[in-house]
Structures are given as C-alpha cells and as structure tokens.
Amino acid sequence: MPLLRVHLDTDRTTARRVLHLHQRGGVHHESREAARDQVWRQGRTPAGDPLFVGITNGRRNVQLLYDVEVHSDVVP
C-alpha cells in the first residue's frame, strides 16, 4: 500500500516534546489523530495508524512528519 507523508505545522516546543515522547516509545495522540484527519481531508483513506517520522528543523516553520499508509485508489 502507498504511503502518504503528512506535514503538520507546530511550534518548536511542541515539536521537541513530541520527538522526546516518541524516542521513549510513547505516542502523541493529538498529533497522530491530526495526521489521520489530514489524510481524510486529502480525500484518501488511512489503512493504518500514522507513523511518526520526525520533525523538520526549520527556524520559523517547524513541522511534525508522519507517514500514513493509505488504501490504493485502484478499483478492480
């Protein structure tokens, strides 16, 4: 199944908190659900839970990165 990369805008403090949480094996439920919602808004159907990939290291615009497996649009 194809993967869709989702970029979620956030602030630097939240990005660090989410990164540290995932490094300890935890899940930041709010951002994971936001990634799932973003996939739905793009007209795709999530096939699994969003997987945290990391954060961007921009000075102004920091983003959380998630990969989400989506169902293929191919109809037999």
PDB file of N, CA and C in Angstrom:
ATOM      1  N   MET A   1       0.831  -1.177   0.000  1.00  0.00           N
ATOM      2  CA  MET A   1       0.000   0.000   0.000  1.00  0.00           C
ATOM      3  C   MET A   1       0.878   1.243   0.000  1.00  0.00           C
ATOM      4  N   PRO A   2       0.406   2.281  -0.678  1.00  0.00           N
ATOM      5  CA  PRO A   2       1.210   3.501  -0.740  1.00  0.00           C
ATOM      6  C   PRO A   2       1.245   4.237   0.594  1.00  0.00           C
ATOM      7  N   LEU A   3       2.314   4.993   0.757  1.00  0.00           N
ATOM      8  CA  LEU A   3       2.471   5.838   1.951  1.00  0.00           C
ATOM      9  C   LEU A   3       2.246   7.288   1.562  1.00  0.00           C
ATOM     10  N   LEU A   4       1.629   8.011   2.436  1.00  0.00           N
ATOM     11  CA  LEU A   4       1.425   9.440   2.254  1.00  0.00           C
ATOM     12  C   LEU A   4       2.162  10.155   3.379  1.00  0.00           C
ATOM     13  N   ARG A   5       3.053  11.087   3.031  1.00  0.00           N
ATOM     14  CA  ARG A   5       3.782  11.879   4.029  1.00  0.00           C
ATOM     15  C   ARG A   5       2.924  13.076   4.409  1.00  0.00           C
ATOM     16  N   VAL A   6       2.706  13.246   5.708  1.00  0.00           N
ATOM     17  CA  VAL A   6       1.885  14.340   6.220  1.00  0.00           C
ATOM     18  C   VAL A   6       2.778  15.290   7.007  1.00  0.00           C
ATOM     19  N   HIS A   7       2.635  16.592   6.744  1.00  0.00           N
ATOM     20  CA  HIS A   7       3.371  17.653   7.436  1.00  0.00           C
ATOM     21  C   HIS A   7       2.386  18.424   8.289  1.00  0.00           C
ATOM     22  N   LEU A   8       2.613  18.461   9.585  1.00  0.00           N
ATOM     23  CA  LEU A   8       1.732  19.184  10.500  1.00  0.00           C
ATOM     24  C   LEU A   8       2.483  20.365  11.100  1.00  0.00           C
ATOM     25  N   ASP A   9       1.952  21.570  10.905  1.00  0.00           N
ATOM     26  CA  ASP A   9       2.568  22.760  11.489  1.00  0.00           C
ATOM     27  C   ASP A   9       2.460  22.698  13.012  1.00  0.00           C
ATOM     28  N   THR A  10       3.519  23.141  13.670  1.00  0.00           N
ATOM     29  CA  THR A  10       3.548  23.163  15.129  1.00  0.00           C
ATOM     30  C   THR A  10       4.566  24.197  15.579  1.00  0.00           C
ATOM     31  N   ASP A  11       4.679  24.373  16.864  1.00  0.00           N
ATOM     32  CA  ASP A  11       5.710  25.260  17.399  1.00  0.00           C
ATOM     33  C   ASP A  11       6.907  24.418  17.852  1.00  0.00           C
ATOM     34  N   ARG A  12       8.026  25.074  18.051  1.00  0.00           N
ATOM     35  CA  ARG A  12       9.276  24.374  18.386  1.00  0.00           C
ATOM     36  C   ARG A  12       9.165  23.590  19.701  1.00  0.00           C
ATOM     37  N   THR A  13       8.505  24.146  20.700  1.00  0.00           N
ATOM     38  CA  THR A  13       8.377  23.474  21.996  1.00  0.00           C
ATOM     39  C   THR A  13       7.570  22.186  21.873  1.00  0.00           C
ATOM     40  N   THR A  14       6.458  22.257  21.188  1.00  0.00           N
ATOM     41  CA  THR A  14       5.634  21.064  20.990  1.00  0.00           C
ATOM     42  C   THR A  14       6.384  20.025  20.168  1.00  0.00           C
ATOM     43  N   ALA A  15       7.091  20.465  19.146  1.00  0.00           N
ATOM     44  CA  ALA A  15       7.854  19.534  18.303  1.00  0.00           C
ATOM     45  C   ALA A  15       8.881  18.765  19.134  1.00  0.00           C
ATOM     46  N   ARG A  16       9.589  19.466  20.003  1.00  0.00           N
ATOM     47  CA  ARG A  16      10.576  18.795  20.859  1.00  0.00           C
ATOM     48  C   ARG A  16       9.903  17.803  21.810  1.00  0.00           C
ATOM     49  N   ARG A  17       8.766  18.210  22.360  1.00  0.00           N
ATOM     50  CA  ARG A  17       8.044  17.337  23.288  1.00  0.00           C
ATOM     51  C   ARG A  17       7.568  16.061  22.582  1.00  0.00           C
ATOM     52  N   VAL A  18       7.030  16.213  21.373  1.00  0.00           N
ATOM     53  CA  VAL A  18       6.568  15.054  20.616  1.00  0.00           C
ATOM     54  C   VAL A  18       7.743  14.150  20.248  1.00  0.00           C
ATOM     55  N   LEU A  19       8.845  14.741  19.816  1.00  0.00           N
ATOM     56  CA  LEU A  19      10.031  13.966  19.455  1.00  0.00           C
ATOM     57  C   LEU A  19      10.541  13.161  20.651  1.00  0.00           C
ATOM     58  N   HIS A  20      10.664  13.790  21.809  1.00  0.00           N
ATOM     59  CA  HIS A  20      11.155  13.094  23.006  1.00  0.00           C
ATOM     60  C   HIS A  20      10.188  11.986  23.437  1.00  0.00           C
ATOM     61  N   LEU A  21       8.914  12.240  23.321  1.00  0.00           N
ATOM     62  CA  LEU A  21       7.916  11.228  23.657  1.00  0.00           C
ATOM     63  C   LEU A  21       8.074   9.999  22.768  1.00  0.00           C
ATOM     64  N   HIS A  22       8.229  10.206  21.472  1.00  0.00           N
ATOM     65  CA  HIS A  22       8.382   9.082  20.548  1.00  0.00           C
ATOM     66  C   HIS A  22       9.725   8.362  20.742  1.00  0.00           C
ATOM     67  N   GLN A  23      10.760   9.093  21.099  1.00  0.00           N
ATOM     68  CA  GLN A  23      12.057   8.463  21.358  1.00  0.00           C
ATOM     69  C   GLN A  23      11.993   7.544  22.570  1.00  0.00           C
ATOM     70  N   ARG A  24      11.079   7.839  23.497  1.00  0.00           N
ATOM     71  CA  ARG A  24      10.897   6.993  24.680  1.00  0.00           C
ATOM     72  C   ARG A  24       9.875   5.891  24.438  1.00  0.00           C
ATOM     73  N   GLY A  25       9.380   5.787  23.205  1.00  0.00           N
ATOM     74  CA  GLY A  25       8.437   4.721  22.868  1.00  0.00           C
ATOM     75  C   GLY A  25       6.978   5.091  23.062  1.00  0.00           C
ATOM     76  N   GLY A  26       6.712   6.349  23.330  1.00  0.00           N
ATOM     77  CA  GLY A  26       5.338   6.789  23.537  1.00  0.00           C
ATOM     78  C   GLY A  26       4.685   7.245  22.247  1.00  0.00           C
ATOM     79  N   VAL A  27       3.437   7.649  22.364  1.00  0.00           N
ATOM     80  CA  VAL A  27       2.665   8.134  21.223  1.00  0.00           C
ATOM     81  C   VAL A  27       2.018   9.453  21.608  1.00  0.00           C
ATOM     82  N   HIS A  28       2.149  10.451  20.763  1.00  0.00           N
ATOM     83  CA  HIS A  28       1.464  11.727  20.968  1.00  0.00           C
ATOM     84  C   HIS A  28       0.140  11.635  20.219  1.00  0.00           C
ATOM     85  N   HIS A  29      -0.900  11.324  20.955  1.00  0.00           N
ATOM     86  CA  HIS A  29      -2.192  11.007  20.355  1.00  0.00           C
ATOM     87  C   HIS A  29      -2.789  12.171  19.566  1.00  0.00           C
ATOM     88  N   GLU A  30      -2.630  13.385  20.051  1.00  0.00           N
ATOM     89  CA  GLU A  30      -3.225  14.534  19.372  1.00  0.00           C
ATOM     90  C   GLU A  30      -2.643  14.722  17.975  1.00  0.00           C
ATOM     91  N   SER A  31      -1.323  14.648  17.847  1.00  0.00           N
ATOM     92  CA  SER A  31      -0.717  14.844  16.526  1.00  0.00           C
ATOM     93  C   SER A  31      -0.970  13.641  15.622  1.00  0.00           C
ATOM     94  N   ARG A  32      -1.023  12.445  16.192  1.00  0.00           N
ATOM     95  CA  ARG A  32      -1.319  11.264  15.375  1.00  0.00           C
ATOM     96  C   ARG A  32      -2.724  11.369  14.791  1.00  0.00           C
ATOM     97  N   GLU A  33      -3.685  11.812  15.595  1.00  0.00           N
ATOM     98  CA  GLU A  33      -5.055  11.982  15.093  1.00  0.00           C
ATOM     99  C   GLU A  33      -5.131  13.116  14.074  1.00  0.00           C
ATOM    100  N   ALA A  34      -4.336  14.175  14.291  1.00  0.00           N
ATOM    101  CA  ALA A  34      -4.295  15.275  13.326  1.00  0.00           C
ATOM    102  C   ALA A  34      -3.742  14.796  11.985  1.00  0.00           C
ATOM    103  N   ALA A  35      -2.753  13.903  12.015  1.00  0.00           N
ATOM    104  CA  ALA A  35      -2.213  13.335  10.780  1.00  0.00           C
ATOM    105  C   ALA A  35      -3.273  12.493  10.075  1.00  0.00           C
ATOM    106  N   ARG A  36      -4.000  11.690  10.835  1.00  0.00           N
ATOM    107  CA  ARG A  36      -5.068  10.872  10.255  1.00  0.00           C
ATOM    108  C   ARG A  36      -6.146  11.773   9.633  1.00  0.00           C
ATOM    109  N   ASP A  37      -6.518  12.848  10.324  1.00  0.00           N
ATOM    110  CA  ASP A  37      -7.509  13.785   9.806  1.00  0.00           C
ATOM    111  C   ASP A  37      -7.028  14.454   8.513  1.00  0.00           C
ATOM    112  N   GLN A  38      -5.742  14.773   8.460  1.00  0.00           N
ATOM    113  CA  GLN A  38      -5.169  15.390   7.259  1.00  0.00           C
ATOM    114  C   GLN A  38      -5.292  14.456   6.055  1.00  0.00           C
ATOM    115  N   VAL A  39      -5.079  13.168   6.271  1.00  0.00           N
ATOM    116  CA  VAL A  39      -5.217  12.186   5.195  1.00  0.00           C
ATOM    117  C   VAL A  39      -6.653  12.165   4.688  1.00  0.00           C
ATOM    118  N   TRP A  40      -7.614  12.151   5.600  1.00  0.00           N
ATOM    119  CA  TRP A  40      -9.027  12.184   5.216  1.00  0.00           C
ATOM    120  C   TRP A  40      -9.342  13.451   4.435  1.00  0.00           C
ATOM    121  N   ARG A  41      -8.804  14.602   4.869  1.00  0.00           N
ATOM    122  CA  ARG A  41      -9.065  15.877   4.177  1.00  0.00           C
ATOM    123  C   ARG A  41      -8.497  15.869   2.761  1.00  0.00           C
ATOM    124  N   GLN A  42      -7.455  15.079   2.543  1.00  0.00           N
ATOM    125  CA  GLN A  42      -6.861  14.980   1.205  1.00  0.00           C
ATOM    126  C   GLN A  42      -7.603  13.975   0.327  1.00  0.00           C
ATOM    127  N   GLY A  43      -8.690  13.418   0.849  1.00  0.00           N
ATOM    128  CA  GLY A  43      -9.510  12.514   0.060  1.00  0.00           C
ATOM    129  C   GLY A  43      -8.991  11.082   0.010  1.00  0.00           C
ATOM    130  N   ARG A  44      -8.110  10.733   0.917  1.00  0.00           N
ATOM    131  CA  ARG A  44      -7.558   9.374   0.956  1.00  0.00           C
ATOM    132  C   ARG A  44      -8.086   8.656   2.190  1.00  0.00           C
ATOM    133  N   THR A  45      -8.004   7.326   2.184  1.00  0.00           N
ATOM    134  CA  THR A  45      -8.471   6.521   3.303  1.00  0.00           C
ATOM    135  C   THR A  45      -7.271   5.889   4.004  1.00  0.00           C
ATOM    136  N   PRO A  46      -7.054   6.212   5.272  1.00  0.00           N
ATOM    137  CA  PRO A  46      -5.934   5.612   6.010  1.00  0.00           C
ATOM    138  C   PRO A  46      -6.113   4.098   6.126  1.00  0.00           C
ATOM    139  N   ALA A  47      -5.016   3.366   5.951  1.00  0.00           N
ATOM    140  CA  ALA A  47      -5.046   1.913   6.066  1.00  0.00           C
ATOM    141  C   ALA A  47      -4.413   1.448   7.368  1.00  0.00           C
ATOM    142  N   GLY A  48      -3.875   2.355   8.138  1.00  0.00           N
ATOM    143  CA  GLY A  48      -3.241   2.006   9.406  1.00  0.00           C
ATOM    144  C   GLY A  48      -2.978   3.263  10.215  1.00  0.00           C
ATOM    145  N   ASP A  49      -2.349   3.078  11.349  1.00  0.00           N
ATOM    146  CA  ASP A  49      -2.023   4.213  12.208  1.00  0.00           C
ATOM    147  C   ASP A  49      -0.888   5.034  11.604  1.00  0.00           C
ATOM    148  N   PRO A  50      -0.944   6.354  11.725  1.00  0.00           N
ATOM    149  CA  PRO A  50       0.168   7.193  11.285  1.00  0.00           C
ATOM    150  C   PRO A  50       1.436   6.853  12.072  1.00  0.00           C
ATOM    151  N   LEU A  51       2.564   6.835  11.370  1.00  0.00           N
ATOM    152  CA  LEU A  51       3.858   6.551  11.987  1.00  0.00           C
ATOM    153  C   LEU A  51       4.680   7.831  12.044  1.00  0.00           C
ATOM    154  N   PHE A  52       5.113   8.187  13.245  1.00  0.00           N
ATOM    155  CA  PHE A  52       5.924   9.390  13.417  1.00  0.00           C
ATOM    156  C   PHE A  52       7.272   9.190  12.748  1.00  0.00           C
ATOM    157  N   VAL A  53       7.664  10.162  11.903  1.00  0.00           N
ATOM    158  CA  VAL A  53       8.928  10.081  11.181  1.00  0.00           C
ATOM    159  C   VAL A  53       9.960  11.016  11.786  1.00  0.00           C
ATOM    160  N   GLY A  54       9.517  12.188  12.220  1.00  0.00           N
ATOM    161  CA  GLY A  54      10.448  13.148  12.803  1.00  0.00           C
ATOM    162  C   GLY A  54       9.888  14.548  12.736  1.00  0.00           C
ATOM    163  N   ILE A  55      10.797  15.525  12.860  1.00  0.00           N
ATOM    164  CA  ILE A  55      10.409  16.930  12.775  1.00  0.00           C
ATOM    165  C   ILE A  55      11.321  17.617  11.771  1.00  0.00           C
ATOM    166  N   THR A  56      10.806  18.693  11.187  1.00  0.00           N
ATOM    167  CA  THR A  56      11.667  19.497  10.333  1.00  0.00           C
ATOM    168  C   THR A  56      12.510  20.389  11.230  1.00  0.00           C
ATOM    169  N   ASN A  57      13.613  20.864  10.701  1.00  0.00           N
ATOM    170  CA  ASN A  57      14.482  21.704  11.526  1.00  0.00           C
ATOM    171  C   ASN A  57      14.525  23.128  10.997  1.00  0.00           C
ATOM    172  N   GLY A  58      13.368  23.609  10.533  1.00  0.00           N
ATOM    173  CA  GLY A  58      13.276  24.991  10.083  1.00  0.00           C
ATOM    174  C   GLY A  58      13.334  25.948  11.260  1.00  0.00           C
ATOM    175  N   ARG A  59      13.841  27.127  11.018  1.00  0.00           N
ATOM    176  CA  ARG A  59      13.946  28.116  12.099  1.00  0.00           C
ATOM    177  C   ARG A  59      12.598  28.728  12.431  1.00  0.00           C
ATOM    178  N   ARG A  60      11.777  28.958  11.426  1.00  0.00           N
ATOM    179  CA  ARG A  60      10.486  29.603  11.667  1.00  0.00           C
ATOM    180  C   ARG A  60       9.348  28.596  11.676  1.00  0.00           C
ATOM    181  N   ASN A  61       9.233  27.833  10.626  1.00  0.00           N
ATOM    182  CA  ASN A  61       8.116  26.906  10.477  1.00  0.00           C
ATOM    183  C   ASN A  61       8.572  25.480  10.792  1.00  0.00           C
ATOM    184  N   VAL A  62       8.239  25.020  11.964  1.00  0.00           N
ATOM    185  CA  VAL A  62       8.584  23.660  12.375  1.00  0.00           C
ATOM    186  C   VAL A  62       7.374  22.781  12.095  1.00  0.00           C
ATOM    187  N   GLN A  63       7.628  21.577  11.586  1.00  0.00           N
ATOM    188  CA  GLN A  63       6.544  20.661  11.284  1.00  0.00           C
ATOM    189  C   GLN A  63       6.841  19.279  11.844  1.00  0.00           C
ATOM    190  N   LEU A  64       5.768  18.595  12.235  1.00  0.00           N
ATOM    191  CA  LEU A  64       5.853  17.188  12.600  1.00  0.00           C
ATOM    192  C   LEU A  64       5.625  16.393  11.322  1.00  0.00           C
ATOM    193  N   LEU A  65       6.379  15.317  11.141  1.00  0.00           N
ATOM    194  CA  LEU A  65       6.261  14.493   9.943  1.00  0.00           C
ATOM    195  C   LEU A  65       5.717  13.117  10.303  1.00  0.00           C
ATOM    196  N   TYR A  66       4.701  12.707   9.591  1.00  0.00           N
ATOM    197  CA  TYR A  66       4.103  11.389   9.774  1.00  0.00           C
ATOM    198  C   TYR A  66       3.976  10.717   8.414  1.00  0.00           C
ATOM    199  N   ASP A  67       4.189   9.409   8.381  1.00  0.00           N
ATOM    200  CA  ASP A  67       3.878   8.599   7.208  1.00  0.00           C
ATOM    201  C   ASP A  67       2.621   7.815   7.521  1.00  0.00           C
ATOM    202  N   VAL A  68       1.674   7.840   6.581  1.00  0.00           N
ATOM    203  CA  VAL A  68       0.411   7.146   6.776  1.00  0.00           C
ATOM    204  C   VAL A  68       0.186   6.226   5.584  1.00  0.00           C
ATOM    205  N   GLU A  69       0.004   4.952   5.869  1.00  0.00           N
ATOM    206  CA  GLU A  69      -0.343   4.005   4.815  1.00  0.00           C
ATOM    207  C   GLU A  69      -1.782   4.274   4.398  1.00  0.00           C
ATOM    208  N   VAL A  70      -2.020   4.366   3.077  1.00  0.00           N
ATOM    209  CA  VAL A  70      -3.358   4.651   2.584  1.00  0.00           C
ATOM    210  C   VAL A  70      -3.792   3.560   1.617  1.00  0.00           C
ATOM    211  N   HIS A  71      -5.095   3.390   1.511  1.00  0.00           N
ATOM    212  CA  HIS A  71      -5.631   2.433   0.563  1.00  0.00           C
ATOM    213  C   HIS A  71      -5.409   2.952  -0.857  1.00  0.00           C
ATOM    214  N   SER A  72      -5.122   2.055  -1.757  1.00  0.00           N
ATOM    215  CA  SER A  72      -4.939   2.408  -3.154  1.00  0.00           C
ATOM    216  C   SER A  72      -6.247   2.875  -3.751  1.00  0.00           C
ATOM    217  N   ASP A  73      -6.178   3.809  -4.687  1.00  0.00           N
ATOM    218  CA  ASP A  73      -7.374   4.321  -5.338  1.00  0.00           C
ATOM    219  C   ASP A  73      -7.827   3.434  -6.495  1.00  0.00           C
ATOM    220  N   VAL A  74      -7.104   2.354  -6.754  1.00  0.00           N
ATOM    221  CA  VAL A  74      -7.419   1.476  -7.872  1.00  0.00           C
ATOM    222  C   VAL A  74      -8.665   0.660  -7.548  1.00  0.00           C
ATOM    223  N   VAL A  75      -9.621   0.696  -8.451  1.00  0.00           N
ATOM    224  CA  VAL A  75     -10.860  -0.071  -8.274  1.00  0.00           C
ATOM    225  C   VAL A  75     -10.875  -1.174  -9.327  1.00  0.00           C
ATOM    226  N   PRO A  76     -11.013  -2.443  -8.905  1.00  0.00           N
ATOM    227  CA  PRO A  76     -10.996  -3.537  -9.904  1.00  0.00           C
ATOM    228  C   PRO A  76     -12.198  -3.513 -10.810  1.00  0.00           C
TER     229      PRO A  76
END
